[in-house]
Amino acid sequence: MIYDSVVDTVGHTPLVRLSKCFADHPVEVLAKLEMLNPGGSMKDRPARYIVEQGLAEGTLVPGMRLVESTSGNLGVALAIIARRHGMTFTAVVDPNTTKANLQLLATCGAEVDLVTEPDQGGGYLHTRVRRAREIAERSPGTVWVNQYANDRNWRAYYETAGREILDDVDGPIDHLVAAVSTTGSIQGIARRLRERHPGLRVSAVDAVGSVIFGGAPGRRRLPGFGASRVPELLNPAEIDEVVAVHDLDSVLGARRLADTEGILGGGSTGAVIAALGRLVPTFAPGERVVTVLPDRGDRYLDTVYDDAWVMTLLEEQEVSLSEVS
C-alpha cells in the first residue's frame, strides 16, 4: 500500500489482546493501540477530520492559521496536518506540557504560546482556552479549533475508530473503557458501538482533580486526560460509570503495561490500565472489553518513567504509597 502523504496513514490502528496484563481473570481485554498513529496519539483522528472537513466545506482554506489549547498530542497532530494542507498552527500550552511535546511542536512547525497563570480550578485549561479564543478574535484569518465544543471531534471517532473496532471484532462487545478529556473519543466510539451492541457498558476513566463529572478540582501533573472544565460535548447519560485515577496510579499502570505486554504507553494509557485493574475483576467471566490506549510513552520518559520525577510527585501531593493502587 502506497499513500500520498503521512496524513493518509492516520487510523486503522491494531487491536491487541492484553493476555498477560490481566491474566488472572477470564475476561478478554482488547486494546486499540492509538499510539501507532503517525503523530503518536489518538488525537491524529480529530485533527485530520476537523481540518479535512473544513477544507471540503470551504470554512477552512490554505493560508489560514489554526489555534488551539492543547496539552501536546492534539497540537502535534494539528501541526502536522495544518502544514500538509498549507496552513499554520499556534498551540496554546501550559507548564505541564512535556518537554518532548514542546520539542515536537516546534519541530513540526507550530508556534507555541505558553500560559503560566493557573485557572480557578488549579489547572490551566480555562486560561489556555481564553488565550486561544483571544488569539482567534484579534487575528484575521485565524480559526479556533475549540475541541471541547466541536462536534467534529466526536464524529471523527464515530466515523473512524468506532467503525474500525466493529470491523475487527466478531461477536459481542460488553464493555468500553476509555480515558476522557474532551469526551469526544469515548462518546464517538460508544455511539458507533452501541448501534450494533446496545447493551454496551461504557466506563470513563477520569483523573483525580478533574471536574468533568463533578469531582473536586485539584492539581494534576499528567497531561492528556481529565479537565478543569466540563466539555460542551459531554452527555453524561451516555456514560455508565466513572473511574477516577490518581496521577500515581497512572504511573503504575503505564509501568505495569510495559512490564507485562511490552507496550510503552503515556500517562493516560497508564490511567486506563489502572482503571482496568479495578474493573476487570468485577466483570463476568468470558466478557469482552474494548479499550483505547491514547498515546505512546516515549514522550513521558522524563516523567512517568523517571523514578526521580515520581518521587517528586509523591512529595508534592503528600500521598503515601498506601493511597495508590
C-alpha atoms as a PDB file:
ATOM      1  CA  MET A   1       0.000   0.000   0.000  1.00  0.00           C
ATOM      2  CA  ILE A   2       1.404   3.371  -1.031  1.00  0.00           C
ATOM      3  CA  TYR A   3      -0.058   6.559   0.478  1.00  0.00           C
ATOM      4  CA  ASP A   4       0.046  10.084  -0.891  1.00  0.00           C
ATOM      5  CA  SER A   5       1.090  11.545   2.479  1.00  0.00           C
ATOM      6  CA  VAL A   6       1.637  10.609   6.094  1.00  0.00           C
ATOM      7  CA  VAL A   7      -1.750  12.181   6.883  1.00  0.00           C
ATOM      8  CA  ASP A   8      -3.411   9.417   4.870  1.00  0.00           C
ATOM      9  CA  THR A   9      -1.986   6.812   7.256  1.00  0.00           C
ATOM     10  CA  VAL A  10      -4.000   8.090  10.238  1.00  0.00           C
ATOM     11  CA  GLY A  11      -6.226   5.382  11.679  1.00  0.00           C
ATOM     12  CA  HIS A  12      -6.535   1.632  11.118  1.00  0.00           C
ATOM     13  CA  THR A  13      -4.558   1.041  14.315  1.00  0.00           C
ATOM     14  CA  PRO A  14      -4.410  -2.573  15.539  1.00  0.00           C
ATOM     15  CA  LEU A  15      -6.356  -4.214  18.330  1.00  0.00           C
ATOM     16  CA  VAL A  16      -4.120  -6.226  20.655  1.00  0.00           C
ATOM     17  CA  ARG A  17      -5.294  -8.746  23.250  1.00  0.00           C
ATOM     18  CA  LEU A  18      -3.802  -7.903  26.662  1.00  0.00           C
ATOM     19  CA  SER A  19      -3.352 -11.523  27.641  1.00  0.00           C
ATOM     20  CA  LYS A  20      -0.637 -11.017  30.271  1.00  0.00           C
ATOM     21  CA  CYS A  21      -1.624  -7.770  31.957  1.00  0.00           C
ATOM     22  CA  PHE A  22      -4.907  -9.262  33.205  1.00  0.00           C
ATOM     23  CA  ALA A  23      -4.002 -12.952  33.085  1.00  0.00           C
ATOM     24  CA  ASP A  24      -5.605 -13.712  36.455  1.00  0.00           C
ATOM     25  CA  HIS A  25      -9.125 -13.003  35.183  1.00  0.00           C
ATOM     26  CA  PRO A  26     -11.125 -14.879  32.497  1.00  0.00           C
ATOM     27  CA  VAL A  27     -12.035 -11.661  30.679  1.00  0.00           C
ATOM     28  CA  GLU A  28     -10.854 -10.730  27.183  1.00  0.00           C
ATOM     29  CA  VAL A  29      -9.328  -7.239  27.021  1.00  0.00           C
ATOM     30  CA  LEU A  30      -8.746  -5.853  23.527  1.00  0.00           C
ATOM     31  CA  ALA A  31      -6.694  -2.651  23.346  1.00  0.00           C
ATOM     32  CA  LYS A  32      -6.656  -0.328  20.343  1.00  0.00           C
ATOM     33  CA  LEU A  33      -3.095   0.957  20.002  1.00  0.00           C
ATOM     34  CA  GLU A  34      -3.671   4.602  19.125  1.00  0.00           C
ATOM     35  CA  MET A  35      -0.012   5.373  19.814  1.00  0.00           C
ATOM     36  CA  LEU A  36       0.700   3.835  16.382  1.00  0.00           C
ATOM     37  CA  ASN A  37      -0.903   6.751  14.576  1.00  0.00           C
ATOM     38  CA  PRO A  38       1.762   8.772  12.708  1.00  0.00           C
ATOM     39  CA  GLY A  39       1.616  11.652  15.186  1.00  0.00           C
ATOM     40  CA  GLY A  40       1.831   9.244  18.108  1.00  0.00           C
ATOM     41  CA  SER A  41      -1.679   9.526  19.532  1.00  0.00           C
ATOM     42  CA  MET A  42      -5.406   9.203  19.003  1.00  0.00           C
ATOM     43  CA  LYS A  43      -5.596  12.965  18.501  1.00  0.00           C
ATOM     44  CA  ASP A  44      -4.482  12.469  14.894  1.00  0.00           C
ATOM     45  CA  ARG A  45      -8.053  11.413  14.179  1.00  0.00           C
ATOM     46  CA  PRO A  46      -9.938  14.598  15.127  1.00  0.00           C
ATOM     47  CA  ALA A  47      -7.121  16.782  13.802  1.00  0.00           C
ATOM     48  CA  ARG A  48      -7.376  15.206  10.371  1.00  0.00           C
ATOM     49  CA  TYR A  49     -11.174  15.094  10.378  1.00  0.00           C
ATOM     50  CA  ILE A  50     -11.631  18.684  11.537  1.00  0.00           C
ATOM     51  CA  VAL A  51      -9.170  20.079   9.002  1.00  0.00           C
ATOM     52  CA  GLU A  52     -10.262  17.995   6.027  1.00  0.00           C
ATOM     53  CA  GLN A  53     -13.974  18.529   6.662  1.00  0.00           C
ATOM     54  CA  GLY A  54     -13.339  22.263   6.952  1.00  0.00           C
ATOM     55  CA  LEU A  55     -11.412  22.303   3.681  1.00  0.00           C
ATOM     56  CA  ALA A  56     -14.109  20.299   1.929  1.00  0.00           C
ATOM     57  CA  GLU A  57     -16.839  22.685   3.109  1.00  0.00           C
ATOM     58  CA  GLY A  58     -14.821  25.842   2.492  1.00  0.00           C
ATOM     59  CA  THR A  59     -14.771  27.032   6.117  1.00  0.00           C
ATOM     60  CA  LEU A  60     -11.009  26.467   6.052  1.00  0.00           C
ATOM     61  CA  VAL A  61      -8.675  27.390   3.211  1.00  0.00           C
ATOM     62  CA  PRO A  62      -4.906  27.149   2.704  1.00  0.00           C
ATOM     63  CA  GLY A  63      -3.113  30.121   4.207  1.00  0.00           C
ATOM     64  CA  MET A  64      -5.275  30.255   7.311  1.00  0.00           C
ATOM     65  CA  ARG A  65      -3.939  29.833  10.815  1.00  0.00           C
ATOM     66  CA  LEU A  66      -5.415  27.382  13.315  1.00  0.00           C
ATOM     67  CA  VAL A  67      -5.126  27.925  17.062  1.00  0.00           C
ATOM     68  CA  GLU A  68      -5.954  25.525  19.859  1.00  0.00           C
ATOM     69  CA  SER A  69      -5.480  24.951  23.564  1.00  0.00           C
ATOM     70  CA  THR A  70      -3.584  21.675  23.844  1.00  0.00           C
ATOM     71  CA  SER A  71      -1.511  19.654  26.303  1.00  0.00           C
ATOM     72  CA  GLY A  72       0.568  18.381  23.416  1.00  0.00           C
ATOM     73  CA  ASN A  73      -0.897  15.497  21.427  1.00  0.00           C
ATOM     74  CA  LEU A  74      -3.614  17.358  19.543  1.00  0.00           C
ATOM     75  CA  GLY A  75      -1.124  20.149  18.959  1.00  0.00           C
ATOM     76  CA  VAL A  76       1.381  17.779  17.380  1.00  0.00           C
ATOM     77  CA  ALA A  77      -1.362  16.320  15.184  1.00  0.00           C
ATOM     78  CA  LEU A  78      -2.679  19.739  14.111  1.00  0.00           C
ATOM     79  CA  ALA A  79       0.830  20.987  13.376  1.00  0.00           C
ATOM     80  CA  ILE A  80       1.488  18.052  11.052  1.00  0.00           C
ATOM     81  CA  ILE A  81      -1.863  18.225   9.292  1.00  0.00           C
ATOM     82  CA  ALA A  82      -2.007  22.023   9.030  1.00  0.00           C
ATOM     83  CA  ARG A  83       1.425  22.077   7.397  1.00  0.00           C
ATOM     84  CA  ARG A  84       0.370  19.375   4.939  1.00  0.00           C
ATOM     85  CA  HIS A  85      -2.614  21.487   3.861  1.00  0.00           C
ATOM     86  CA  GLY A  86      -0.778  24.807   3.618  1.00  0.00           C
ATOM     87  CA  MET A  87      -1.896  26.279   6.942  1.00  0.00           C
ATOM     88  CA  THR A  88      -0.077  27.379  10.078  1.00  0.00           C
ATOM     89  CA  PHE A  89      -0.825  26.435  13.660  1.00  0.00           C
ATOM     90  CA  THR A  90      -0.477  28.026  17.101  1.00  0.00           C
ATOM     91  CA  ALA A  91      -0.516  25.724  20.132  1.00  0.00           C
ATOM     92  CA  VAL A  92      -1.507  27.277  23.466  1.00  0.00           C
ATOM     93  CA  VAL A  93       0.225  25.134  26.104  1.00  0.00           C
ATOM     94  CA  ASP A  94       0.936  25.231  29.844  1.00  0.00           C
ATOM     95  CA  PRO A  95       3.738  24.232  32.242  1.00  0.00           C
ATOM     96  CA  ASN A  96       2.510  20.613  32.409  1.00  0.00           C
ATOM     97  CA  THR A  97       3.229  20.073  28.730  1.00  0.00           C
ATOM     98  CA  THR A  98       6.125  17.630  28.478  1.00  0.00           C
ATOM     99  CA  LYS A  99       9.486  18.757  27.142  1.00  0.00           C
ATOM    100  CA  ALA A 100       9.222  16.143  24.434  1.00  0.00           C
ATOM    101  CA  ASN A 101       5.884  17.520  23.231  1.00  0.00           C
ATOM    102  CA  LEU A 102       7.200  21.077  23.239  1.00  0.00           C
ATOM    103  CA  GLN A 103      10.129  19.965  21.099  1.00  0.00           C
ATOM    104  CA  LEU A 104       7.809  18.038  18.793  1.00  0.00           C
ATOM    105  CA  LEU A 105       5.520  21.039  18.383  1.00  0.00           C
ATOM    106  CA  ALA A 106       8.424  23.261  17.415  1.00  0.00           C
ATOM    107  CA  THR A 107       9.879  20.644  15.093  1.00  0.00           C
ATOM    108  CA  CYS A 108       6.537  20.212  13.344  1.00  0.00           C
ATOM    109  CA  GLY A 109       6.346  23.945  12.700  1.00  0.00           C
ATOM    110  CA  ALA A 110       3.901  25.046  15.382  1.00  0.00           C
ATOM    111  CA  GLU A 111       4.098  28.407  17.089  1.00  0.00           C
ATOM    112  CA  VAL A 112       3.994  27.759  20.837  1.00  0.00           C
ATOM    113  CA  ASP A 113       2.189  30.155  23.186  1.00  0.00           C
ATOM    114  CA  LEU A 114       2.807  29.290  26.854  1.00  0.00           C
ATOM    115  CA  VAL A 115       0.334  30.341  29.565  1.00  0.00           C
ATOM    116  CA  THR A 116       1.557  30.296  33.163  1.00  0.00           C
ATOM    117  CA  GLU A 117      -1.431  31.585  35.141  1.00  0.00           C
ATOM    118  CA  PRO A 118      -3.473  28.789  36.782  1.00  0.00           C
ATOM    119  CA  ASP A 119      -7.240  28.936  36.449  1.00  0.00           C
ATOM    120  CA  GLN A 120      -9.709  28.867  39.328  1.00  0.00           C
ATOM    121  CA  GLY A 121      -9.667  25.078  39.363  1.00  0.00           C
ATOM    122  CA  GLY A 122      -5.930  24.906  39.942  1.00  0.00           C
ATOM    123  CA  GLY A 123      -5.197  23.804  36.380  1.00  0.00           C
ATOM    124  CA  TYR A 124      -4.548  25.768  33.229  1.00  0.00           C
ATOM    125  CA  LEU A 125      -7.356  24.760  30.893  1.00  0.00           C
ATOM    126  CA  HIS A 126      -9.550  27.838  31.375  1.00  0.00           C
ATOM    127  CA  THR A 127      -6.511  30.064  30.916  1.00  0.00           C
ATOM    128  CA  ARG A 128      -5.457  28.227  27.761  1.00  0.00           C
ATOM    129  CA  VAL A 129      -8.946  28.316  26.269  1.00  0.00           C
ATOM    130  CA  ARG A 130      -9.251  32.042  26.978  1.00  0.00           C
ATOM    131  CA  ARG A 131      -5.896  32.711  25.286  1.00  0.00           C
ATOM    132  CA  ALA A 132      -6.823  30.619  22.235  1.00  0.00           C
ATOM    133  CA  ARG A 133     -10.114  32.481  21.873  1.00  0.00           C
ATOM    134  CA  GLU A 134      -8.361  35.838  22.188  1.00  0.00           C
ATOM    135  CA  ILE A 135      -5.792  34.943  19.520  1.00  0.00           C
ATOM    136  CA  ALA A 136      -8.542  33.931  17.087  1.00  0.00           C
ATOM    137  CA  GLU A 137     -10.626  37.047  17.772  1.00  0.00           C
ATOM    138  CA  ARG A 138      -7.793  39.515  17.259  1.00  0.00           C
ATOM    139  CA  SER A 139      -6.140  37.802  14.275  1.00  0.00           C
ATOM    140  CA  PRO A 140      -7.922  37.848  10.883  1.00  0.00           C
ATOM    141  CA  GLY A 141      -7.697  34.547   9.052  1.00  0.00           C
ATOM    142  CA  THR A 142      -7.307  32.588  12.293  1.00  0.00           C
ATOM    143  CA  VAL A 143      -9.713  29.825  13.356  1.00  0.00           C
ATOM    144  CA  TRP A 144     -10.017  28.439  16.881  1.00  0.00           C
ATOM    145  CA  VAL A 145     -10.460  24.649  16.718  1.00  0.00           C
ATOM    146  CA  ASN A 146     -12.263  24.512  20.114  1.00  0.00           C
ATOM    147  CA  GLN A 147     -12.057  20.750  20.597  1.00  0.00           C
ATOM    148  CA  TYR A 148     -14.236  20.789  23.747  1.00  0.00           C
ATOM    149  CA  ALA A 149     -17.275  22.038  21.819  1.00  0.00           C
ATOM    150  CA  ASN A 150     -16.538  20.961  18.237  1.00  0.00           C
ATOM    151  CA  ASP A 151     -18.941  18.235  17.054  1.00  0.00           C
ATOM    152  CA  ARG A 152     -16.359  17.128  14.526  1.00  0.00           C
ATOM    153  CA  ASN A 153     -14.302  15.921  17.471  1.00  0.00           C
ATOM    154  CA  TRP A 154     -16.660  13.086  18.434  1.00  0.00           C
ATOM    155  CA  ARG A 155     -17.666  12.494  14.832  1.00  0.00           C
ATOM    156  CA  ALA A 156     -14.051  11.764  13.944  1.00  0.00           C
ATOM    157  CA  TYR A 157     -14.050   8.803  16.320  1.00  0.00           C
ATOM    158  CA  TYR A 158     -17.540   7.701  15.299  1.00  0.00           C
ATOM    159  CA  GLU A 159     -16.555   7.603  11.636  1.00  0.00           C
ATOM    160  CA  THR A 160     -13.112   6.050  12.104  1.00  0.00           C
ATOM    161  CA  ALA A 161     -12.146   4.308  15.367  1.00  0.00           C
ATOM    162  CA  GLY A 162     -15.661   3.088  16.144  1.00  0.00           C
ATOM    163  CA  ARG A 163     -16.109   1.685  12.664  1.00  0.00           C
ATOM    164  CA  GLU A 164     -12.670   0.042  12.743  1.00  0.00           C
ATOM    165  CA  ILE A 165     -13.462  -1.731  16.026  1.00  0.00           C
ATOM    166  CA  LEU A 166     -16.707  -3.123  14.618  1.00  0.00           C
ATOM    167  CA  ASP A 167     -14.875  -4.271  11.501  1.00  0.00           C
ATOM    168  CA  ASP A 168     -12.202  -6.053  13.565  1.00  0.00           C
ATOM    169  CA  VAL A 169     -14.248  -7.663  16.352  1.00  0.00           C
ATOM    170  CA  ASP A 170     -16.541 -10.602  15.681  1.00  0.00           C
ATOM    171  CA  GLY A 171     -19.167 -11.294  18.312  1.00  0.00           C
ATOM    172  CA  PRO A 172     -20.261  -9.288  21.335  1.00  0.00           C
ATOM    173  CA  ILE A 173     -18.550  -6.323  22.951  1.00  0.00           C
ATOM    174  CA  ASP A 174     -19.645  -5.988  26.560  1.00  0.00           C
ATOM    175  CA  HIS A 175     -17.589  -3.049  27.835  1.00  0.00           C
ATOM    176  CA  LEU A 176     -15.839   0.058  26.543  1.00  0.00           C
ATOM    177  CA  VAL A 177     -13.263   1.557  28.924  1.00  0.00           C
ATOM    178  CA  ALA A 178     -11.617   4.810  27.813  1.00  0.00           C
ATOM    179  CA  ALA A 179      -9.950   7.919  29.210  1.00  0.00           C
ATOM    180  CA  VAL A 180     -11.672  11.295  28.957  1.00  0.00           C
ATOM    181  CA  SER A 181     -10.683  14.908  28.477  1.00  0.00           C
ATOM    182  CA  THR A 182     -12.905  16.472  25.812  1.00  0.00           C
ATOM    183  CA  THR A 183     -15.100  13.293  25.931  1.00  0.00           C
ATOM    184  CA  GLY A 184     -15.094  13.279  22.127  1.00  0.00           C
ATOM    185  CA  SER A 185     -13.352   9.927  21.767  1.00  0.00           C
ATOM    186  CA  ILE A 186     -15.359   7.950  24.308  1.00  0.00           C
ATOM    187  CA  GLN A 187     -18.695   9.288  23.068  1.00  0.00           C
ATOM    188  CA  GLY A 188     -17.893   8.935  19.381  1.00  0.00           C
ATOM    189  CA  ILE A 189     -16.720   5.339  19.769  1.00  0.00           C
ATOM    190  CA  ALA A 190     -19.549   4.414  22.149  1.00  0.00           C
ATOM    191  CA  ARG A 191     -22.212   5.825  19.825  1.00  0.00           C
ATOM    192  CA  ARG A 192     -20.894   3.708  16.950  1.00  0.00           C
ATOM    193  CA  LEU A 193     -20.506   0.528  19.004  1.00  0.00           C
ATOM    194  CA  ARG A 194     -23.973   0.825  20.541  1.00  0.00           C
ATOM    195  CA  GLU A 195     -25.546   0.742  17.099  1.00  0.00           C
ATOM    196  CA  ARG A 196     -24.579  -2.944  16.994  1.00  0.00           C
ATOM    197  CA  HIS A 197     -24.220  -3.637  20.716  1.00  0.00           C
ATOM    198  CA  PRO A 198     -26.978  -1.692  22.509  1.00  0.00           C
ATOM    199  CA  GLY A 199     -26.163  -3.333  25.843  1.00  0.00           C
ATOM    200  CA  LEU A 200     -22.598  -1.966  25.830  1.00  0.00           C
ATOM    201  CA  ARG A 201     -21.481  -0.624  29.213  1.00  0.00           C
ATOM    202  CA  VAL A 202     -19.270   2.468  28.999  1.00  0.00           C
ATOM    203  CA  SER A 203     -16.729   3.316  31.715  1.00  0.00           C
ATOM    204  CA  ALA A 204     -14.995   6.691  31.628  1.00  0.00           C
ATOM    205  CA  VAL A 205     -11.508   6.959  33.098  1.00  0.00           C
ATOM    206  CA  ASP A 206     -11.077  10.412  34.607  1.00  0.00           C
ATOM    207  CA  ALA A 207      -8.299  11.996  36.648  1.00  0.00           C
ATOM    208  CA  VAL A 208      -8.493  12.757  40.352  1.00  0.00           C
ATOM    209  CA  GLY A 209      -8.706  16.555  40.388  1.00  0.00           C
ATOM    210  CA  SER A 210     -10.760  16.720  37.182  1.00  0.00           C
ATOM    211  CA  VAL A 211     -14.207  18.354  37.263  1.00  0.00           C
ATOM    212  CA  ILE A 212     -15.713  16.712  34.158  1.00  0.00           C
ATOM    213  CA  PHE A 213     -18.117  14.571  36.179  1.00  0.00           C
ATOM    214  CA  GLY A 214     -18.495  16.839  39.188  1.00  0.00           C
ATOM    215  CA  GLY A 215     -15.330  15.932  41.072  1.00  0.00           C
ATOM    216  CA  ALA A 216     -13.496  18.392  43.294  1.00  0.00           C
ATOM    217  CA  PRO A 217     -10.907  20.420  41.369  1.00  0.00           C
ATOM    218  CA  GLY A 218      -7.289  19.716  42.166  1.00  0.00           C
ATOM    219  CA  ARG A 219      -3.799  19.854  40.788  1.00  0.00           C
ATOM    220  CA  ARG A 220      -2.970  17.297  38.100  1.00  0.00           C
ATOM    221  CA  ARG A 221       0.527  16.718  36.789  1.00  0.00           C
ATOM    222  CA  LEU A 222      -0.129  14.332  33.914  1.00  0.00           C
ATOM    223  CA  PRO A 223      -1.439  15.960  30.722  1.00  0.00           C
ATOM    224  CA  GLY A 224      -3.848  14.367  28.303  1.00  0.00           C
ATOM    225  CA  PHE A 225      -6.802  13.298  30.429  1.00  0.00           C
ATOM    226  CA  GLY A 226      -9.141  14.958  32.871  1.00  0.00           C
ATOM    227  CA  ALA A 227     -10.112  18.618  32.628  1.00  0.00           C
ATOM    228  CA  SER A 228     -10.761  21.642  34.809  1.00  0.00           C
ATOM    229  CA  ARG A 229     -13.973  22.463  32.905  1.00  0.00           C
ATOM    230  CA  VAL A 230     -16.976  20.460  31.742  1.00  0.00           C
ATOM    231  CA  PRO A 231     -16.792  19.927  27.973  1.00  0.00           C
ATOM    232  CA  GLU A 232     -19.722  21.200  25.963  1.00  0.00           C
ATOM    233  CA  LEU A 233     -19.644  17.870  24.114  1.00  0.00           C
ATOM    234  CA  LEU A 234     -20.411  15.819  27.209  1.00  0.00           C
ATOM    235  CA  ASN A 235     -23.685  13.929  27.522  1.00  0.00           C
ATOM    236  CA  PRO A 236     -23.432  12.275  30.969  1.00  0.00           C
ATOM    237  CA  ALA A 237     -26.353   9.960  30.198  1.00  0.00           C
ATOM    238  CA  GLU A 238     -24.112   8.064  27.766  1.00  0.00           C
ATOM    239  CA  ILE A 239     -21.573   7.183  30.481  1.00  0.00           C
ATOM    240  CA  ASP A 240     -22.445   4.286  32.784  1.00  0.00           C
ATOM    241  CA  GLU A 241     -19.696   4.775  35.358  1.00  0.00           C
ATOM    242  CA  VAL A 242     -16.651   6.900  36.073  1.00  0.00           C
ATOM    243  CA  VAL A 243     -13.367   5.646  37.471  1.00  0.00           C
ATOM    244  CA  ALA A 244     -11.195   8.411  38.956  1.00  0.00           C
ATOM    245  CA  VAL A 245      -7.478   7.660  38.786  1.00  0.00           C
ATOM    246  CA  HIS A 246      -4.694   9.343  40.735  1.00  0.00           C
ATOM    247  CA  ASP A 247      -1.540  10.505  38.924  1.00  0.00           C
ATOM    248  CA  LEU A 248       0.480   7.889  40.763  1.00  0.00           C
ATOM    249  CA  ASP A 249      -1.934   5.119  39.780  1.00  0.00           C
ATOM    250  CA  SER A 250      -1.475   6.221  36.183  1.00  0.00           C
ATOM    251  CA  VAL A 251       2.283   5.904  36.539  1.00  0.00           C
ATOM    252  CA  LEU A 252       1.940   2.414  37.989  1.00  0.00           C
ATOM    253  CA  GLY A 253      -0.495   1.421  35.252  1.00  0.00           C
ATOM    254  CA  ALA A 254       1.851   2.543  32.498  1.00  0.00           C
ATOM    255  CA  ARG A 255       4.719   0.633  34.052  1.00  0.00           C
ATOM    256  CA  ARG A 256       2.568  -2.453  34.519  1.00  0.00           C
ATOM    257  CA  LEU A 257       1.657  -2.408  30.833  1.00  0.00           C
ATOM    258  CA  ALA A 258       5.305  -2.074  29.802  1.00  0.00           C
ATOM    259  CA  ASP A 259       6.372  -4.885  32.147  1.00  0.00           C
ATOM    260  CA  THR A 260       3.670  -7.349  31.108  1.00  0.00           C
ATOM    261  CA  GLU A 261       2.914  -6.599  27.464  1.00  0.00           C
ATOM    262  CA  GLY A 262       5.964  -4.674  26.273  1.00  0.00           C
ATOM    263  CA  ILE A 263       3.755  -1.715  25.320  1.00  0.00           C
ATOM    264  CA  LEU A 264       5.198   1.681  26.217  1.00  0.00           C
ATOM    265  CA  GLY A 265       2.236   3.960  26.845  1.00  0.00           C
ATOM    266  CA  GLY A 266       1.822   7.518  28.064  1.00  0.00           C
ATOM    267  CA  GLY A 267       0.143   8.870  31.169  1.00  0.00           C
ATOM    268  CA  SER A 268      -3.457   8.494  30.012  1.00  0.00           C
ATOM    269  CA  THR A 269      -2.679   4.992  28.797  1.00  0.00           C
ATOM    270  CA  GLY A 270      -1.442   4.216  32.308  1.00  0.00           C
ATOM    271  CA  ALA A 271      -4.667   5.600  33.743  1.00  0.00           C
ATOM    272  CA  VAL A 272      -6.690   3.253  31.534  1.00  0.00           C
ATOM    273  CA  ILE A 273      -4.645   0.261  32.700  1.00  0.00           C
ATOM    274  CA  ALA A 274      -5.066   1.318  36.350  1.00  0.00           C
ATOM    275  CA  ALA A 275      -8.831   1.617  35.869  1.00  0.00           C
ATOM    276  CA  LEU A 276      -8.998  -1.767  34.147  1.00  0.00           C
ATOM    277  CA  GLY A 277      -7.136  -3.223  37.117  1.00  0.00           C
ATOM    278  CA  ARG A 278     -10.117  -2.225  39.274  1.00  0.00           C
ATOM    279  CA  LEU A 279     -12.853  -3.045  36.775  1.00  0.00           C
ATOM    280  CA  VAL A 280     -11.791  -6.347  35.239  1.00  0.00           C
ATOM    281  CA  PRO A 281     -12.219  -8.362  38.487  1.00  0.00           C
ATOM    282  CA  THR A 282     -15.842  -7.174  38.628  1.00  0.00           C
ATOM    283  CA  PHE A 283     -16.702  -8.318  35.094  1.00  0.00           C
ATOM    284  CA  ALA A 284     -18.320 -11.671  34.403  1.00  0.00           C
ATOM    285  CA  PRO A 285     -16.117 -14.499  33.103  1.00  0.00           C
ATOM    286  CA  GLY A 286     -15.980 -14.564  29.328  1.00  0.00           C
ATOM    287  CA  GLU A 287     -16.968 -10.934  28.849  1.00  0.00           C
ATOM    288  CA  ARG A 288     -15.121  -8.869  26.269  1.00  0.00           C
ATOM    289  CA  VAL A 289     -13.702  -5.423  26.946  1.00  0.00           C
ATOM    290  CA  VAL A 290     -12.514  -2.961  24.329  1.00  0.00           C
ATOM    291  CA  THR A 291     -10.227  -0.190  25.487  1.00  0.00           C
ATOM    292  CA  VAL A 292      -8.265   2.571  23.811  1.00  0.00           C
ATOM    293  CA  LEU A 293      -4.613   3.311  24.625  1.00  0.00           C
ATOM    294  CA  PRO A 294      -4.340   7.001  23.700  1.00  0.00           C
ATOM    295  CA  ASP A 295      -0.640   7.706  23.224  1.00  0.00           C
ATOM    296  CA  ARG A 296       2.864   6.341  23.418  1.00  0.00           C
ATOM    297  CA  GLY A 297       5.293   6.604  26.274  1.00  0.00           C
ATOM    298  CA  ASP A 298       8.472   7.935  24.705  1.00  0.00           C
ATOM    299  CA  ARG A 299       7.174  11.447  25.389  1.00  0.00           C
ATOM    300  CA  TYR A 300       6.978  10.611  29.092  1.00  0.00           C
ATOM    301  CA  LEU A 301      10.451   9.216  29.696  1.00  0.00           C
ATOM    302  CA  ASP A 302      11.302  12.202  31.901  1.00  0.00           C
ATOM    303  CA  THR A 303       8.055  11.924  33.900  1.00  0.00           C
ATOM    304  CA  VAL A 304       6.092   8.660  34.055  1.00  0.00           C
ATOM    305  CA  TYR A 305       9.190   6.508  33.585  1.00  0.00           C
ATOM    306  CA  ASP A 306      11.594   8.613  35.637  1.00  0.00           C
ATOM    307  CA  ASP A 307      11.918   7.481  39.263  1.00  0.00           C
ATOM    308  CA  ALA A 308      13.157  10.860  40.491  1.00  0.00           C
ATOM    309  CA  TRP A 309      10.149  12.647  38.950  1.00  0.00           C
ATOM    310  CA  VAL A 310       7.783  10.131  40.515  1.00  0.00           C
ATOM    311  CA  MET A 311       9.331  10.670  43.947  1.00  0.00           C
ATOM    312  CA  THR A 312       8.885  14.426  43.499  1.00  0.00           C
ATOM    313  CA  LEU A 313       5.256  13.812  42.576  1.00  0.00           C
ATOM    314  CA  LEU A 314       4.805  11.769  45.733  1.00  0.00           C
ATOM    315  CA  GLU A 315       6.239  14.547  47.881  1.00  0.00           C
ATOM    316  CA  GLU A 316       4.323  17.358  46.173  1.00  0.00           C
ATOM    317  CA  GLN A 317       0.964  15.664  46.516  1.00  0.00           C
ATOM    318  CA  GLU A 318       1.707  14.369  50.020  1.00  0.00           C
ATOM    319  CA  VAL A 319       0.448  10.930  49.090  1.00  0.00           C
ATOM    320  CA  SER A 320       1.702   7.757  50.693  1.00  0.00           C
ATOM    321  CA  LEU A 321       2.174   4.579  48.705  1.00  0.00           C
ATOM    322  CA  SER A 322      -0.735   3.042  50.649  1.00  0.00           C
ATOM    323  CA  GLU A 323      -3.117   5.515  48.980  1.00  0.00           C
ATOM    324  CA  VAL A 324      -2.437   4.331  45.428  1.00  0.00           C
ATOM    325  CA  SER A 325      -3.383   1.032  43.824  1.00  0.00           C
END
